[in-house]
Amino acid sequence: RRAAAAAVQENVGRQGTFPDGIEVVTIADYWTLSGRRQAYLEVAPKIAMLGNGGYRKALMEHLVDRKLSHQDMQIRLLAAQALAKLAQDPSEETLDFLNS
């Protein structure tokens, strides 16, 4: 998580093509991602509010495709809790994703 945060920070700084890149880097920094629970349940929902919904969809897809079937039970539980938080958004795109 922390290495990924450093890579995103580098990419935002060099290329500047991330939607709301500075806000993403500010929210998801080295320290906020150090705890797994905080990363899933606090940081991810904040990131999901950025980028005109694109981040929310990507996070939800990742949780469903990769984390809900993870071998570690704690990851599966955190993924389910994070997905529940992300699904609280009443947008049409979220509802379409959840109903597909």
PDB file of N, CA and C in Angstrom:
ATOM      1  N   ARG A   1       0.828  -1.192   0.000  1.00  0.00           N
ATOM      2  CA  ARG A   1       0.000   0.000   0.000  1.00  0.00           C
ATOM      3  C   ARG A   1       0.860   1.239   0.000  1.00  0.00           C
ATOM      4  N   ARG A   2       1.893   1.248   0.836  1.00  0.00           N
ATOM      5  CA  ARG A   2       2.717   2.456   0.923  1.00  0.00           C
ATOM      6  C   ARG A   2       3.567   2.637  -0.324  1.00  0.00           C
ATOM      7  N   ALA A   3       4.041   1.544  -0.902  1.00  0.00           N
ATOM      8  CA  ALA A   3       4.814   1.649  -2.138  1.00  0.00           C
ATOM      9  C   ALA A   3       3.929   2.150  -3.274  1.00  0.00           C
ATOM     10  N   ALA A   4       2.684   1.694  -3.302  1.00  0.00           N
ATOM     11  CA  ALA A   4       1.749   2.164  -4.322  1.00  0.00           C
ATOM     12  C   ALA A   4       1.472   3.646  -4.145  1.00  0.00           C
ATOM     13  N   ALA A   5       1.353   4.107  -2.899  1.00  0.00           N
ATOM     14  CA  ALA A   5       1.132   5.531  -2.646  1.00  0.00           C
ATOM     15  C   ALA A   5       2.312   6.351  -3.162  1.00  0.00           C
ATOM     16  N   ALA A   6       3.522   5.847  -2.963  1.00  0.00           N
ATOM     17  CA  ALA A   6       4.702   6.551  -3.463  1.00  0.00           C
ATOM     18  C   ALA A   6       4.710   6.585  -4.992  1.00  0.00           C
ATOM     19  N   ALA A   7       4.298   5.494  -5.621  1.00  0.00           N
ATOM     20  CA  ALA A   7       4.249   5.452  -7.084  1.00  0.00           C
ATOM     21  C   ALA A   7       3.200   6.420  -7.639  1.00  0.00           C
ATOM     22  N   VAL A   8       2.041   6.482  -6.979  1.00  0.00           N
ATOM     23  CA  VAL A   8       1.003   7.421  -7.417  1.00  0.00           C
ATOM     24  C   VAL A   8       1.490   8.849  -7.244  1.00  0.00           C
ATOM     25  N   GLN A   9       2.128   9.130  -6.116  1.00  0.00           N
ATOM     26  CA  GLN A   9       2.647  10.474  -5.872  1.00  0.00           C
ATOM     27  C   GLN A   9       3.652  10.859  -6.949  1.00  0.00           C
ATOM     28  N   GLU A  10       4.520   9.949  -7.294  1.00  0.00           N
ATOM     29  CA  GLU A  10       5.510  10.210  -8.340  1.00  0.00           C
ATOM     30  C   GLU A  10       4.824  10.473  -9.676  1.00  0.00           C
ATOM     31  N   ASN A  11       3.839   9.655 -10.012  1.00  0.00           N
ATOM     32  CA  ASN A  11       3.132   9.800 -11.285  1.00  0.00           C
ATOM     33  C   ASN A  11       2.359  11.118 -11.345  1.00  0.00           C
ATOM     34  N   VAL A  12       1.686  11.466 -10.263  1.00  0.00           N
ATOM     35  CA  VAL A  12       0.944  12.727 -10.219  1.00  0.00           C
ATOM     36  C   VAL A  12       1.906  13.898 -10.391  1.00  0.00           C
ATOM     37  N   GLY A  13       3.034  13.829  -9.711  1.00  0.00           N
ATOM     38  CA  GLY A  13       4.011  14.913  -9.791  1.00  0.00           C
ATOM     39  C   GLY A  13       4.642  15.062 -11.156  1.00  0.00           C
ATOM     40  N   ARG A  14       4.938  13.967 -11.811  1.00  0.00           N
ATOM     41  CA  ARG A  14       5.621  14.019 -13.097  1.00  0.00           C
ATOM     42  C   ARG A  14       4.687  14.234 -14.277  1.00  0.00           C
ATOM     43  N   GLN A  15       3.527  13.556 -14.257  1.00  0.00           N
ATOM     44  CA  GLN A  15       2.664  13.588 -15.432  1.00  0.00           C
ATOM     45  C   GLN A  15       1.413  14.435 -15.239  1.00  0.00           C
ATOM     46  N   GLY A  16       0.896  14.475 -14.023  1.00  0.00           N
ATOM     47  CA  GLY A  16      -0.263  15.296 -13.738  1.00  0.00           C
ATOM     48  C   GLY A  16      -1.530  14.902 -14.472  1.00  0.00           C
ATOM     49  N   THR A  17      -1.681  13.632 -14.816  1.00  0.00           N
ATOM     50  CA  THR A  17      -2.845  13.193 -15.589  1.00  0.00           C
ATOM     51  C   THR A  17      -3.915  12.519 -14.738  1.00  0.00           C
ATOM     52  N   PHE A  18      -3.697  12.383 -13.444  1.00  0.00           N
ATOM     53  CA  PHE A  18      -4.695  11.796 -12.553  1.00  0.00           C
ATOM     54  C   PHE A  18      -5.781  12.831 -12.290  1.00  0.00           C
ATOM     55  N   PRO A  19      -7.052  12.448 -12.416  1.00  0.00           N
ATOM     56  CA  PRO A  19      -8.103  13.379 -11.994  1.00  0.00           C
ATOM     57  C   PRO A  19      -7.988  13.640 -10.488  1.00  0.00           C
ATOM     58  N   ASP A  20      -8.007  14.888 -10.105  1.00  0.00           N
ATOM     59  CA  ASP A  20      -7.882  15.273  -8.691  1.00  0.00           C
ATOM     60  C   ASP A  20      -6.630  14.683  -8.058  1.00  0.00           C
ATOM     61  N   GLY A  21      -5.550  14.651  -8.815  1.00  0.00           N
ATOM     62  CA  GLY A  21      -4.323  13.986  -8.378  1.00  0.00           C
ATOM     63  C   GLY A  21      -3.753  14.491  -7.068  1.00  0.00           C
ATOM     64  N   ILE A  22      -3.722  15.796  -6.892  1.00  0.00           N
ATOM     65  CA  ILE A  22      -3.164  16.346  -5.653  1.00  0.00           C
ATOM     66  C   ILE A  22      -4.016  15.932  -4.453  1.00  0.00           C
ATOM     67  N   GLU A  23      -5.331  15.944  -4.613  1.00  0.00           N
ATOM     68  CA  GLU A  23      -6.218  15.530  -3.522  1.00  0.00           C
ATOM     69  C   GLU A  23      -6.016  14.048  -3.192  1.00  0.00           C
ATOM     70  N   VAL A  24      -5.851  13.226  -4.233  1.00  0.00           N
ATOM     71  CA  VAL A  24      -5.616  11.791  -4.017  1.00  0.00           C
ATOM     72  C   VAL A  24      -4.335  11.591  -3.222  1.00  0.00           C
ATOM     73  N   VAL A  25      -3.283  12.268  -3.617  1.00  0.00           N
ATOM     74  CA  VAL A  25      -1.995  12.130  -2.932  1.00  0.00           C
ATOM     75  C   VAL A  25      -2.090  12.639  -1.501  1.00  0.00           C
ATOM     76  N   THR A  26      -2.852  13.687  -1.282  1.00  0.00           N
ATOM     77  CA  THR A  26      -3.009  14.237   0.064  1.00  0.00           C
ATOM     78  C   THR A  26      -3.776  13.271   0.967  1.00  0.00           C
ATOM     79  N   ILE A  27      -4.823  12.666   0.432  1.00  0.00           N
ATOM     80  CA  ILE A  27      -5.648  11.740   1.231  1.00  0.00           C
ATOM     81  C   ILE A  27      -4.932  10.410   1.440  1.00  0.00           C
ATOM     82  N   ALA A  28      -4.354   9.873   0.382  1.00  0.00           N
ATOM     83  CA  ALA A  28      -3.736   8.539   0.433  1.00  0.00           C
ATOM     84  C   ALA A  28      -2.220   8.667   0.492  1.00  0.00           C
ATOM     85  N   ASP A  29      -1.725   9.168   1.596  1.00  0.00           N
ATOM     86  CA  ASP A  29      -0.287   9.303   1.731  1.00  0.00           C
ATOM     87  C   ASP A  29       0.303   8.099   2.477  1.00  0.00           C
ATOM     88  N   TYR A  30       1.591   8.136   2.660  1.00  0.00           N
ATOM     89  CA  TYR A  30       2.326   7.036   3.281  1.00  0.00           C
ATOM     90  C   TYR A  30       1.742   6.647   4.636  1.00  0.00           C
ATOM     91  N   TRP A  31       1.388   7.616   5.446  1.00  0.00           N
ATOM     92  CA  TRP A  31       0.934   7.345   6.809  1.00  0.00           C
ATOM     93  C   TRP A  31      -0.509   6.863   6.859  1.00  0.00           C
ATOM     94  N   THR A  32      -1.383   7.447   6.043  1.00  0.00           N
ATOM     95  CA  THR A  32      -2.786   7.036   6.098  1.00  0.00           C
ATOM     96  C   THR A  32      -2.986   5.622   5.558  1.00  0.00           C
ATOM     97  N   LEU A  33      -2.077   5.173   4.722  1.00  0.00           N
ATOM     98  CA  LEU A  33      -2.180   3.816   4.171  1.00  0.00           C
ATOM     99  C   LEU A  33      -1.416   2.774   4.971  1.00  0.00           C
ATOM    100  N   SER A  34      -0.767   3.195   6.044  1.00  0.00           N
ATOM    101  CA  SER A  34       0.051   2.247   6.805  1.00  0.00           C
ATOM    102  C   SER A  34      -0.790   1.189   7.517  1.00  0.00           C
ATOM    103  N   GLY A  35      -1.993   1.530   7.901  1.00  0.00           N
ATOM    104  CA  GLY A  35      -2.880   0.553   8.533  1.00  0.00           C
ATOM    105  C   GLY A  35      -3.888   0.017   7.527  1.00  0.00           C
ATOM    106  N   ARG A  36      -3.985  -1.289   7.452  1.00  0.00           N
ATOM    107  CA  ARG A  36      -4.874  -1.917   6.469  1.00  0.00           C
ATOM    108  C   ARG A  36      -6.327  -1.515   6.684  1.00  0.00           C
ATOM    109  N   ARG A  37      -6.783  -1.547   7.919  1.00  0.00           N
ATOM    110  CA  ARG A  37      -8.170  -1.206   8.230  1.00  0.00           C
ATOM    111  C   ARG A  37      -8.473   0.237   7.833  1.00  0.00           C
ATOM    112  N   GLN A  38      -7.584   1.134   8.177  1.00  0.00           N
ATOM    113  CA  GLN A  38      -7.766   2.545   7.824  1.00  0.00           C
ATOM    114  C   GLN A  38      -7.757   2.733   6.309  1.00  0.00           C
ATOM    115  N   ALA A  39      -6.899   2.018   5.614  1.00  0.00           N
ATOM    116  CA  ALA A  39      -6.831   2.136   4.152  1.00  0.00           C
ATOM    117  C   ALA A  39      -8.149   1.709   3.505  1.00  0.00           C
ATOM    118  N   TYR A  40      -8.711   0.621   3.975  1.00  0.00           N
ATOM    119  CA  TYR A  40      -9.953   0.099   3.391  1.00  0.00           C
ATOM    120  C   TYR A  40     -11.177   0.915   3.791  1.00  0.00           C
ATOM    121  N   LEU A  41     -11.263   1.284   5.077  1.00  0.00           N
ATOM    122  CA  LEU A  41     -12.516   1.821   5.599  1.00  0.00           C
ATOM    123  C   LEU A  41     -12.559   3.342   5.739  1.00  0.00           C
ATOM    124  N   GLU A  42     -11.417   3.997   5.679  1.00  0.00           N
ATOM    125  CA  GLU A  42     -11.412   5.449   5.789  1.00  0.00           C
ATOM    126  C   GLU A  42     -10.866   6.122   4.529  1.00  0.00           C
ATOM    127  N   VAL A  43      -9.734   5.637   4.057  1.00  0.00           N
ATOM    128  CA  VAL A  43      -9.100   6.277   2.902  1.00  0.00           C
ATOM    129  C   VAL A  43      -9.870   5.973   1.615  1.00  0.00           C
ATOM    130  N   ALA A  44     -10.217   4.725   1.380  1.00  0.00           N
ATOM    131  CA  ALA A  44     -10.907   4.358   0.136  1.00  0.00           C
ATOM    132  C   ALA A  44     -12.213   5.129  -0.066  1.00  0.00           C
ATOM    133  N   PRO A  45     -13.080   5.267   0.955  1.00  0.00           N
ATOM    134  CA  PRO A  45     -14.294   6.054   0.742  1.00  0.00           C
ATOM    135  C   PRO A  45     -14.020   7.530   0.430  1.00  0.00           C
ATOM    136  N   LYS A  46     -12.958   8.087   1.002  1.00  0.00           N
ATOM    137  CA  LYS A  46     -12.605   9.479   0.687  1.00  0.00           C
ATOM    138  C   LYS A  46     -12.137   9.602  -0.758  1.00  0.00           C
ATOM    139  N   ILE A  47     -11.334   8.658  -1.197  1.00  0.00           N
ATOM    140  CA  ILE A  47     -10.858   8.660  -2.588  1.00  0.00           C
ATOM    141  C   ILE A  47     -12.032   8.470  -3.537  1.00  0.00           C
ATOM    142  N   ALA A  48     -12.987   7.644  -3.148  1.00  0.00           N
ATOM    143  CA  ALA A  48     -14.135   7.347  -4.005  1.00  0.00           C
ATOM    144  C   ALA A  48     -14.959   8.589  -4.329  1.00  0.00           C
ATOM    145  N   MET A  49     -14.908   9.587  -3.466  1.00  0.00           N
ATOM    146  CA  MET A  49     -15.668  10.814  -3.704  1.00  0.00           C
ATOM    147  C   MET A  49     -15.025  11.706  -4.764  1.00  0.00           C
ATOM    148  N   LEU A  50     -13.804  11.403  -5.150  1.00  0.00           N
ATOM    149  CA  LEU A  50     -13.082  12.223  -6.126  1.00  0.00           C
ATOM    150  C   LEU A  50     -13.220  11.656  -7.531  1.00  0.00           C
ATOM    151  N   GLY A  51     -12.771  12.395  -8.507  1.00  0.00           N
ATOM    152  CA  GLY A  51     -12.670  11.903  -9.878  1.00  0.00           C
ATOM    153  C   GLY A  51     -13.986  11.641 -10.579  1.00  0.00           C
ATOM    154  N   ASN A  52     -15.025  12.372 -10.233  1.00  0.00           N
ATOM    155  CA  ASN A  52     -16.333  12.219 -10.893  1.00  0.00           C
ATOM    156  C   ASN A  52     -16.842  10.783 -10.894  1.00  0.00           C
ATOM    157  N   GLY A  53     -16.601  10.066  -9.830  1.00  0.00           N
ATOM    158  CA  GLY A  53     -17.111   8.700  -9.708  1.00  0.00           C
ATOM    159  C   GLY A  53     -16.213   7.628 -10.296  1.00  0.00           C
ATOM    160  N   GLY A  54     -15.207   8.003 -11.033  1.00  0.00           N
ATOM    161  CA  GLY A  54     -14.313   7.019 -11.645  1.00  0.00           C
ATOM    162  C   GLY A  54     -13.527   6.216 -10.623  1.00  0.00           C
ATOM    163  N   TYR A  55     -13.115   6.875  -9.569  1.00  0.00           N
ATOM    164  CA  TYR A  55     -12.377   6.165  -8.520  1.00  0.00           C
ATOM    165  C   TYR A  55     -13.289   5.192  -7.782  1.00  0.00           C
ATOM    166  N   ARG A  56     -14.528   5.600  -7.528  1.00  0.00           N
ATOM    167  CA  ARG A  56     -15.471   4.720  -6.823  1.00  0.00           C
ATOM    168  C   ARG A  56     -15.661   3.433  -7.607  1.00  0.00           C
ATOM    169  N   LYS A  57     -15.918   3.561  -8.897  1.00  0.00           N
ATOM    170  CA  LYS A  57     -16.139   2.368  -9.718  1.00  0.00           C
ATOM    171  C   LYS A  57     -14.907   1.471  -9.735  1.00  0.00           C
ATOM    172  N   ALA A  58     -13.736   2.065  -9.902  1.00  0.00           N
ATOM    173  CA  ALA A  58     -12.497   1.274  -9.934  1.00  0.00           C
ATOM    174  C   ALA A  58     -12.254   0.563  -8.604  1.00  0.00           C
ATOM    175  N   LEU A  59     -12.501   1.258  -7.502  1.00  0.00           N
ATOM    176  CA  LEU A  59     -12.326   0.635  -6.190  1.00  0.00           C
ATOM    177  C   LEU A  59     -13.313  -0.512  -5.990  1.00  0.00           C
ATOM    178  N   MET A  60     -14.555  -0.297  -6.370  1.00  0.00           N
ATOM    179  CA  MET A  60     -15.557  -1.352  -6.213  1.00  0.00           C
ATOM    180  C   MET A  60     -15.227  -2.555  -7.093  1.00  0.00           C
ATOM    181  N   GLU A  61     -14.823  -2.312  -8.324  1.00  0.00           N
ATOM    182  CA  GLU A  61     -14.435  -3.415  -9.214  1.00  0.00           C
ATOM    183  C   GLU A  61     -13.276  -4.206  -8.620  1.00  0.00           C
ATOM    184  N   HIS A  62     -12.284  -3.499  -8.091  1.00  0.00           N
ATOM    185  CA  HIS A  62     -11.127  -4.176  -7.503  1.00  0.00           C
ATOM    186  C   HIS A  62     -11.527  -5.025  -6.296  1.00  0.00           C
ATOM    187  N   LEU A  63     -12.367  -4.463  -5.446  1.00  0.00           N
ATOM    188  CA  LEU A  63     -12.812  -5.225  -4.276  1.00  0.00           C
ATOM    189  C   LEU A  63     -13.557  -6.488  -4.684  1.00  0.00           C
ATOM    190  N   VAL A  64     -14.449  -6.361  -5.653  1.00  0.00           N
ATOM    191  CA  VAL A  64     -15.243  -7.515  -6.090  1.00  0.00           C
ATOM    192  C   VAL A  64     -14.370  -8.529  -6.817  1.00  0.00           C
ATOM    193  N   ASP A  65     -13.535  -8.067  -7.738  1.00  0.00           N
ATOM    194  CA  ASP A  65     -12.750  -8.972  -8.578  1.00  0.00           C
ATOM    195  C   ASP A  65     -11.580  -9.630  -7.843  1.00  0.00           C
ATOM    196  N   ARG A  66     -10.964  -8.903  -6.907  1.00  0.00           N
ATOM    197  CA  ARG A  66      -9.723  -9.393  -6.297  1.00  0.00           C
ATOM    198  C   ARG A  66      -9.812  -9.692  -4.805  1.00  0.00           C
ATOM    199  N   LYS A  67     -10.533  -8.883  -4.075  1.00  0.00           N
ATOM    200  CA  LYS A  67     -10.435  -8.978  -2.618  1.00  0.00           C
ATOM    201  C   LYS A  67     -11.516  -9.829  -1.962  1.00  0.00           C
ATOM    202  N   LEU A  68     -12.692  -9.916  -2.541  1.00  0.00           N
ATOM    203  CA  LEU A  68     -13.741 -10.726  -1.918  1.00  0.00           C
ATOM    204  C   LEU A  68     -13.436 -12.215  -1.975  1.00  0.00           C
ATOM    205  N   SER A  69     -12.526 -12.603  -2.845  1.00  0.00           N
ATOM    206  CA  SER A  69     -12.139 -14.012  -2.936  1.00  0.00           C
ATOM    207  C   SER A  69     -10.688 -14.233  -2.487  1.00  0.00           C
ATOM    208  N   HIS A  70     -10.146 -13.291  -1.751  1.00  0.00           N
ATOM    209  CA  HIS A  70      -8.760 -13.370  -1.287  1.00  0.00           C
ATOM    210  C   HIS A  70      -8.593 -14.535  -0.318  1.00  0.00           C
ATOM    211  N   GLN A  71      -7.406 -15.114  -0.263  1.00  0.00           N
ATOM    212  CA  GLN A  71      -7.162 -16.256   0.614  1.00  0.00           C
ATOM    213  C   GLN A  71      -7.179 -15.883   2.097  1.00  0.00           C
ATOM    214  N   ASP A  72      -6.867 -14.646   2.415  1.00  0.00           N
ATOM    215  CA  ASP A  72      -6.845 -14.181   3.798  1.00  0.00           C
ATOM    216  C   ASP A  72      -8.251 -13.721   4.211  1.00  0.00           C
ATOM    217  N   MET A  73      -8.793 -14.350   5.235  1.00  0.00           N
ATOM    218  CA  MET A  73     -10.152 -14.036   5.670  1.00  0.00           C
ATOM    219  C   MET A  73     -10.287 -12.574   6.111  1.00  0.00           C
ATOM    220  N   GLN A  74      -9.272 -12.028   6.744  1.00  0.00           N
ATOM    221  CA  GLN A  74      -9.338 -10.635   7.193  1.00  0.00           C
ATOM    222  C   GLN A  74      -9.455  -9.672   6.007  1.00  0.00           C
ATOM    223  N   ILE A  75      -8.784  -9.993   4.921  1.00  0.00           N
ATOM    224  CA  ILE A  75      -8.903  -9.168   3.711  1.00  0.00           C
ATOM    225  C   ILE A  75     -10.316  -9.267   3.159  1.00  0.00           C
ATOM    226  N   ARG A  76     -10.877 -10.466   3.142  1.00  0.00           N
ATOM    227  CA  ARG A  76     -12.254 -10.631   2.656  1.00  0.00           C
ATOM    228  C   ARG A  76     -13.242  -9.836   3.495  1.00  0.00           C
ATOM    229  N   LEU A  77     -13.068  -9.865   4.804  1.00  0.00           N
ATOM    230  CA  LEU A  77     -13.959  -9.122   5.694  1.00  0.00           C
ATOM    231  C   LEU A  77     -13.823  -7.611   5.482  1.00  0.00           C
ATOM    232  N   LEU A  78     -12.590  -7.132   5.402  1.00  0.00           N
ATOM    233  CA  LEU A  78     -12.373  -5.710   5.149  1.00  0.00           C
ATOM    234  C   LEU A  78     -12.931  -5.297   3.795  1.00  0.00           C
ATOM    235  N   ALA A  79     -12.764  -6.149   2.804  1.00  0.00           N
ATOM    236  CA  ALA A  79     -13.281  -5.853   1.469  1.00  0.00           C
ATOM    237  C   ALA A  79     -14.799  -5.737   1.492  1.00  0.00           C
ATOM    238  N   ALA A  80     -15.453  -6.624   2.204  1.00  0.00           N
ATOM    239  CA  ALA A  80     -16.916  -6.566   2.298  1.00  0.00           C
ATOM    240  C   ALA A  80     -17.361  -5.301   3.018  1.00  0.00           C
ATOM    241  N   GLN A  81     -16.672  -4.937   4.080  1.00  0.00           N
ATOM    242  CA  GLN A  81     -17.011  -3.713   4.808  1.00  0.00           C
ATOM    243  C   GLN A  81     -16.764  -2.476   3.950  1.00  0.00           C
ATOM    244  N   ALA A  82     -15.646  -2.473   3.222  1.00  0.00           N
ATOM    245  CA  ALA A  82     -15.333  -1.338   2.353  1.00  0.00           C
ATOM    246  C   ALA A  82     -16.349  -1.230   1.221  1.00  0.00           C
ATOM    247  N   LEU A  83     -16.731  -2.367   0.656  1.00  0.00           N
ATOM    248  CA  LEU A  83     -17.723  -2.360  -0.422  1.00  0.00           C
ATOM    249  C   LEU A  83     -19.056  -1.814   0.083  1.00  0.00           C
ATOM    250  N   ALA A  84     -19.427  -2.168   1.298  1.00  0.00           N
ATOM    251  CA  ALA A  84     -20.665  -1.638   1.880  1.00  0.00           C
ATOM    252  C   ALA A  84     -20.593  -0.128   2.028  1.00  0.00           C
ATOM    253  N   LYS A  85     -19.438   0.394   2.440  1.00  0.00           N
ATOM    254  CA  LYS A  85     -19.283   1.849   2.557  1.00  0.00           C
ATOM    255  C   LYS A  85     -19.348   2.521   1.187  1.00  0.00           C
ATOM    256  N   LEU A  86     -18.687   1.927   0.214  1.00  0.00           N
ATOM    257  CA  LEU A  86     -18.675   2.512  -1.128  1.00  0.00           C
ATOM    258  C   LEU A  86     -20.044   2.440  -1.778  1.00  0.00           C
ATOM    259  N   ALA A  87     -20.814   1.435  -1.442  1.00  0.00           N
ATOM    260  CA  ALA A  87     -22.134   1.243  -2.045  1.00  0.00           C
ATOM    261  C   ALA A  87     -23.180   2.194  -1.484  1.00  0.00           C
ATOM    262  N   GLN A  88     -22.853   2.965  -0.480  1.00  0.00           N
ATOM    263  CA  GLN A  88     -23.795   3.920   0.085  1.00  0.00           C
ATOM    264  C   GLN A  88     -24.072   5.089  -0.855  1.00  0.00           C
ATOM    265  N   ASP A  89     -23.267   5.233  -1.875  1.00  0.00           N
ATOM    266  CA  ASP A  89     -23.479   6.285  -2.866  1.00  0.00           C
ATOM    267  C   ASP A  89     -24.703   5.943  -3.708  1.00  0.00           C
ATOM    268  N   PRO A  90     -25.692   6.827  -3.771  1.00  0.00           N
ATOM    269  CA  PRO A  90     -26.929   6.507  -4.485  1.00  0.00           C
ATOM    270  C   PRO A  90     -26.892   6.822  -5.986  1.00  0.00           C
ATOM    271  N   SER A  91     -25.709   7.020  -6.550  1.00  0.00           N
ATOM    272  CA  SER A  91     -25.640   7.392  -7.961  1.00  0.00           C
ATOM    273  C   SER A  91     -26.083   6.237  -8.867  1.00  0.00           C
ATOM    274  N   GLU A  92     -26.493   6.606 -10.048  1.00  0.00           N
ATOM    275  CA  GLU A  92     -26.949   5.623 -11.037  1.00  0.00           C
ATOM    276  C   GLU A  92     -25.833   4.642 -11.393  1.00  0.00           C
ATOM    277  N   GLU A  93     -24.619   5.149 -11.498  1.00  0.00           N
ATOM    278  CA  GLU A  93     -23.481   4.280 -11.851  1.00  0.00           C
ATOM    279  C   GLU A  93     -23.230   3.221 -10.763  1.00  0.00           C
ATOM    280  N   THR A  94     -23.314   3.618  -9.508  1.00  0.00           N
ATOM    281  CA  THR A  94     -23.123   2.667  -8.419  1.00  0.00           C
ATOM    282  C   THR A  94     -24.221   1.616  -8.426  1.00  0.00           C
ATOM    283  N   LEU A  95     -25.447   2.061  -8.603  1.00  0.00           N
ATOM    284  CA  LEU A  95     -26.556   1.123  -8.634  1.00  0.00           C
ATOM    285  C   LEU A  95     -26.446   0.154  -9.810  1.00  0.00           C
ATOM    286  N   ASP A  96     -26.030   0.655 -10.968  1.00  0.00           N
ATOM    287  CA  ASP A  96     -25.826  -0.214 -12.124  1.00  0.00           C
ATOM    288  C   ASP A  96     -24.760  -1.261 -11.844  1.00  0.00           C
ATOM    289  N   PHE A  97     -23.661  -0.835 -11.221  1.00  0.00           N
ATOM    290  CA  PHE A  97     -22.585  -1.771 -10.910  1.00  0.00           C
ATOM    291  C   PHE A  97     -23.065  -2.845  -9.941  1.00  0.00           C
ATOM    292  N   LEU A  98     -23.766  -2.443  -8.910  1.00  0.00           N
ATOM    293  CA  LEU A  98     -24.222  -3.402  -7.912  1.00  0.00           C
ATOM    294  C   LEU A  98     -25.280  -4.351  -8.444  1.00  0.00           C
ATOM    295  N   ASN A  99     -26.043  -3.908  -9.415  1.00  0.00           N
ATOM    296  CA  ASN A  99     -27.101  -4.757  -9.979  1.00  0.00           C
ATOM    297  C   ASN A  99     -26.639  -5.602 -11.151  1.00  0.00           C
ATOM    298  N   SER A 100     -25.393  -5.449 -11.551  1.00  0.00           N
ATOM    299  CA  SER A 100     -24.910  -6.243 -12.706  1.00  0.00           C
ATOM    300  C   SER A 100     -24.325  -7.561 -12.275  1.00  0.00           C
TER     301      SER A 100
END
